[in-house]
Amino acid sequence: MRLEETGFFRQLKECAGKSEIRLNESMDKHTTFRVGGEADIFINVADASDASAIIKCLSITGNDYYILGKGSNILVGDKGYR
């Protein structure tokens, strides 16, 4: 089953509000070093209320997350971020 067909993904979309969800997003676009594999799910958060709802949703479902700022001083491995 593809990720976008799961109940978790549908629930995440509901929580995301106006935020943009991207699947298999290449992290080289989001780090100053321009390196890194793909993140299974990448969310470009629209505003603070969306961020709060997304974090709550991820916490309730027991999914890990990482908040990325401007992408400086971070390296993402070639295997990406699950």
N, C-alpha and C. Protein backbone atom coordinates (compact mmCIF):
# COMPACT_ATOMS: atom_id res chain seq x y z
N MET A 1 0.85 -1.18 0.00
CA MET A 1 0.00 0.00 0.00
C MET A 1 0.90 1.25 0.00
N ARG A 2 0.56 2.17 -0.85
CA ARG A 2 1.31 3.42 -0.92
C ARG A 2 0.96 4.30 0.27
N LEU A 3 1.90 5.11 0.69
CA LEU A 3 1.72 5.96 1.87
C LEU A 3 0.50 6.86 1.75
N GLU A 4 0.28 7.43 0.56
CA GLU A 4 -0.85 8.35 0.40
C GLU A 4 -2.21 7.66 0.45
N GLU A 5 -2.21 6.34 0.49
CA GLU A 5 -3.46 5.58 0.57
C GLU A 5 -3.77 5.13 2.00
N THR A 6 -2.91 5.46 2.94
CA THR A 6 -3.09 5.01 4.32
C THR A 6 -3.99 5.94 5.11
N GLY A 7 -4.58 5.42 6.14
CA GLY A 7 -5.41 6.23 7.04
C GLY A 7 -4.58 7.30 7.72
N PHE A 8 -3.33 6.98 8.06
CA PHE A 8 -2.46 7.97 8.69
C PHE A 8 -2.28 9.18 7.78
N PHE A 9 -2.03 8.95 6.49
CA PHE A 9 -1.80 10.06 5.58
C PHE A 9 -3.06 10.91 5.42
N ARG A 10 -4.20 10.27 5.35
CA ARG A 10 -5.46 11.03 5.26
C ARG A 10 -5.67 11.89 6.50
N GLN A 11 -5.36 11.33 7.66
CA GLN A 11 -5.49 12.07 8.91
C GLN A 11 -4.50 13.24 8.94
N LEU A 12 -3.28 13.01 8.47
CA LEU A 12 -2.28 14.06 8.43
C LEU A 12 -2.72 15.19 7.51
N LYS A 13 -3.30 14.86 6.37
CA LYS A 13 -3.79 15.89 5.45
C LYS A 13 -4.86 16.75 6.09
N GLU A 14 -5.73 16.13 6.88
CA GLU A 14 -6.77 16.88 7.58
C GLU A 14 -6.16 17.85 8.59
N CYS A 15 -5.12 17.41 9.27
CA CYS A 15 -4.47 18.24 10.28
C CYS A 15 -3.66 19.37 9.65
N ALA A 16 -3.19 19.17 8.44
CA ALA A 16 -2.23 20.09 7.81
C ALA A 16 -2.83 21.42 7.39
N GLY A 17 -4.13 21.51 7.27
CA GLY A 17 -4.75 22.78 6.89
C GLY A 17 -4.25 23.28 5.55
N LYS A 18 -3.68 24.49 5.53
CA LYS A 18 -3.18 25.10 4.30
C LYS A 18 -1.75 24.69 3.97
N SER A 19 -1.12 23.91 4.84
CA SER A 19 0.27 23.50 4.64
C SER A 19 0.40 22.50 3.50
N GLU A 20 1.55 22.53 2.87
CA GLU A 20 1.81 21.67 1.72
C GLU A 20 2.54 20.41 2.16
N ILE A 21 1.99 19.25 1.83
CA ILE A 21 2.61 17.97 2.15
C ILE A 21 3.22 17.41 0.87
N ARG A 22 4.49 17.05 0.95
CA ARG A 22 5.18 16.44 -0.19
C ARG A 22 5.72 15.07 0.23
N LEU A 23 5.55 14.10 -0.64
CA LEU A 23 6.07 12.76 -0.39
C LEU A 23 7.38 12.57 -1.13
N ASN A 24 8.30 11.83 -0.50
CA ASN A 24 9.60 11.52 -1.10
C ASN A 24 10.32 12.78 -1.59
N GLU A 25 10.35 13.77 -0.73
CA GLU A 25 10.96 15.06 -1.06
C GLU A 25 12.47 14.99 -0.90
N SER A 26 13.19 15.38 -1.94
CA SER A 26 14.65 15.40 -1.89
C SER A 26 15.10 16.50 -0.94
N MET A 27 15.87 16.11 0.07
CA MET A 27 16.29 17.08 1.08
C MET A 27 17.41 17.99 0.61
N ASP A 28 18.01 17.69 -0.53
CA ASP A 28 19.06 18.58 -1.04
C ASP A 28 18.50 19.96 -1.39
N LYS A 29 17.21 20.05 -1.55
CA LYS A 29 16.55 21.34 -1.83
C LYS A 29 16.39 22.20 -0.57
N HIS A 30 16.59 21.58 0.59
CA HIS A 30 16.25 22.25 1.84
C HIS A 30 17.42 22.39 2.82
N THR A 31 18.63 22.13 2.35
CA THR A 31 19.81 22.30 3.21
C THR A 31 20.80 23.22 2.51
N THR A 32 21.56 23.98 3.28
CA THR A 32 22.52 24.89 2.67
C THR A 32 23.66 24.16 2.00
N PHE A 33 23.94 22.92 2.42
CA PHE A 33 25.00 22.13 1.79
C PHE A 33 24.54 21.47 0.49
N ARG A 34 23.23 21.49 0.24
CA ARG A 34 22.63 20.92 -0.98
C ARG A 34 22.94 19.43 -1.16
N VAL A 35 22.86 18.69 -0.05
CA VAL A 35 23.04 17.24 -0.09
C VAL A 35 21.93 16.58 0.71
N GLY A 36 21.73 15.30 0.48
CA GLY A 36 20.79 14.53 1.29
C GLY A 36 19.80 13.75 0.47
N GLY A 37 19.37 12.64 1.04
CA GLY A 37 18.38 11.78 0.40
C GLY A 37 16.98 12.33 0.58
N GLU A 38 16.02 11.46 0.41
CA GLU A 38 14.61 11.87 0.46
C GLU A 38 14.02 11.71 1.85
N ALA A 39 13.12 12.63 2.18
CA ALA A 39 12.28 12.48 3.37
C ALA A 39 10.99 11.81 2.91
N ASP A 40 10.54 10.82 3.64
CA ASP A 40 9.29 10.15 3.28
C ASP A 40 8.16 11.15 3.17
N ILE A 41 8.08 12.03 4.17
CA ILE A 41 7.05 13.08 4.19
C ILE A 41 7.73 14.39 4.56
N PHE A 42 7.48 15.42 3.77
CA PHE A 42 8.00 16.76 4.03
C PHE A 42 6.81 17.70 4.04
N ILE A 43 6.70 18.50 5.09
CA ILE A 43 5.58 19.42 5.19
C ILE A 43 6.11 20.85 5.25
N ASN A 44 5.69 21.65 4.31
CA ASN A 44 6.00 23.07 4.31
C ASN A 44 4.84 23.76 5.03
N VAL A 45 5.06 24.11 6.29
CA VAL A 45 4.00 24.59 7.16
C VAL A 45 3.61 26.02 6.80
N ALA A 46 2.32 26.26 6.70
CA ALA A 46 1.79 27.56 6.29
C ALA A 46 1.81 28.58 7.42
N ASP A 47 1.46 28.13 8.64
CA ASP A 47 1.39 29.08 9.76
C ASP A 47 1.48 28.32 11.08
N ALA A 48 1.50 29.09 12.17
CA ALA A 48 1.69 28.50 13.50
C ALA A 48 0.55 27.57 13.89
N SER A 49 -0.68 27.90 13.52
CA SER A 49 -1.80 27.03 13.90
C SER A 49 -1.72 25.69 13.16
N ASP A 50 -1.29 25.70 11.89
CA ASP A 50 -1.09 24.44 11.17
C ASP A 50 0.03 23.64 11.82
N ALA A 51 1.11 24.32 12.20
CA ALA A 51 2.24 23.63 12.84
C ALA A 51 1.79 22.93 14.12
N SER A 52 1.01 23.62 14.92
CA SER A 52 0.51 23.06 16.16
C SER A 52 -0.37 21.83 15.90
N ALA A 53 -1.26 21.94 14.93
CA ALA A 53 -2.15 20.81 14.61
C ALA A 53 -1.38 19.62 14.06
N ILE A 54 -0.38 19.87 13.24
CA ILE A 54 0.43 18.80 12.66
C ILE A 54 1.22 18.09 13.75
N ILE A 55 1.85 18.85 14.63
CA ILE A 55 2.63 18.25 15.73
C ILE A 55 1.73 17.42 16.63
N LYS A 56 0.55 17.92 16.93
CA LYS A 56 -0.39 17.18 17.77
C LYS A 56 -0.78 15.87 17.07
N CYS A 57 -1.08 15.94 15.79
CA CYS A 57 -1.46 14.76 15.01
C CYS A 57 -0.33 13.72 15.01
N LEU A 58 0.90 14.17 14.77
CA LEU A 58 2.03 13.25 14.75
C LEU A 58 2.29 12.64 16.12
N SER A 59 2.13 13.43 17.16
CA SER A 59 2.33 12.92 18.52
C SER A 59 1.28 11.87 18.89
N ILE A 60 0.03 12.14 18.55
CA ILE A 60 -1.05 11.20 18.86
C ILE A 60 -0.86 9.87 18.14
N THR A 61 -0.40 9.94 16.90
CA THR A 61 -0.22 8.72 16.11
C THR A 61 1.12 8.03 16.38
N GLY A 62 1.96 8.65 17.23
CA GLY A 62 3.23 8.04 17.60
C GLY A 62 4.30 8.13 16.53
N ASN A 63 4.17 9.07 15.63
CA ASN A 63 5.16 9.24 14.56
C ASN A 63 6.20 10.28 14.95
N ASP A 64 7.46 9.96 14.63
CA ASP A 64 8.55 10.90 14.88
C ASP A 64 8.50 12.02 13.85
N TYR A 65 9.07 13.15 14.23
CA TYR A 65 9.16 14.28 13.30
C TYR A 65 10.40 15.08 13.63
N TYR A 66 10.82 15.89 12.69
CA TYR A 66 11.96 16.77 12.89
C TYR A 66 11.59 18.12 12.32
N ILE A 67 11.79 19.17 13.10
CA ILE A 67 11.49 20.51 12.64
C ILE A 67 12.77 21.11 12.07
N LEU A 68 12.71 21.47 10.81
CA LEU A 68 13.85 22.01 10.08
C LEU A 68 13.65 23.50 9.90
N GLY A 69 14.64 24.27 10.29
CA GLY A 69 14.56 25.72 10.10
C GLY A 69 14.98 26.08 8.69
N LYS A 70 16.02 26.85 8.56
CA LYS A 70 16.52 27.29 7.26
C LYS A 70 17.40 26.24 6.59
N GLY A 71 17.69 25.13 7.28
CA GLY A 71 18.48 24.06 6.69
C GLY A 71 19.97 24.27 6.78
N SER A 72 20.40 25.23 7.60
CA SER A 72 21.84 25.44 7.74
C SER A 72 22.36 24.55 8.87
N ASN A 73 23.60 24.17 8.72
CA ASN A 73 24.28 23.33 9.72
C ASN A 73 23.60 21.99 9.95
N ILE A 74 23.04 21.42 8.89
CA ILE A 74 22.44 20.09 8.98
C ILE A 74 22.83 19.29 7.75
N LEU A 75 23.11 18.03 7.99
CA LEU A 75 23.39 17.11 6.89
C LEU A 75 22.36 15.99 6.95
N VAL A 76 21.78 15.68 5.81
CA VAL A 76 20.84 14.56 5.70
C VAL A 76 21.57 13.48 4.93
N GLY A 77 21.60 12.28 5.48
CA GLY A 77 22.29 11.18 4.81
C GLY A 77 21.65 10.82 3.49
N ASP A 78 22.42 10.14 2.65
CA ASP A 78 21.93 9.73 1.34
C ASP A 78 20.73 8.78 1.43
N LYS A 79 20.60 8.08 2.56
CA LYS A 79 19.47 7.17 2.74
C LYS A 79 18.19 7.92 3.10
N GLY A 80 18.32 9.22 3.37
CA GLY A 80 17.15 10.04 3.63
C GLY A 80 16.68 10.00 5.07
N TYR A 81 15.45 10.42 5.27
CA TYR A 81 14.84 10.50 6.59
C TYR A 81 13.50 9.80 6.55
N ARG A 82 13.37 8.76 7.35
CA ARG A 82 12.14 7.98 7.37
C ARG A 82 11.15 8.67 8.26
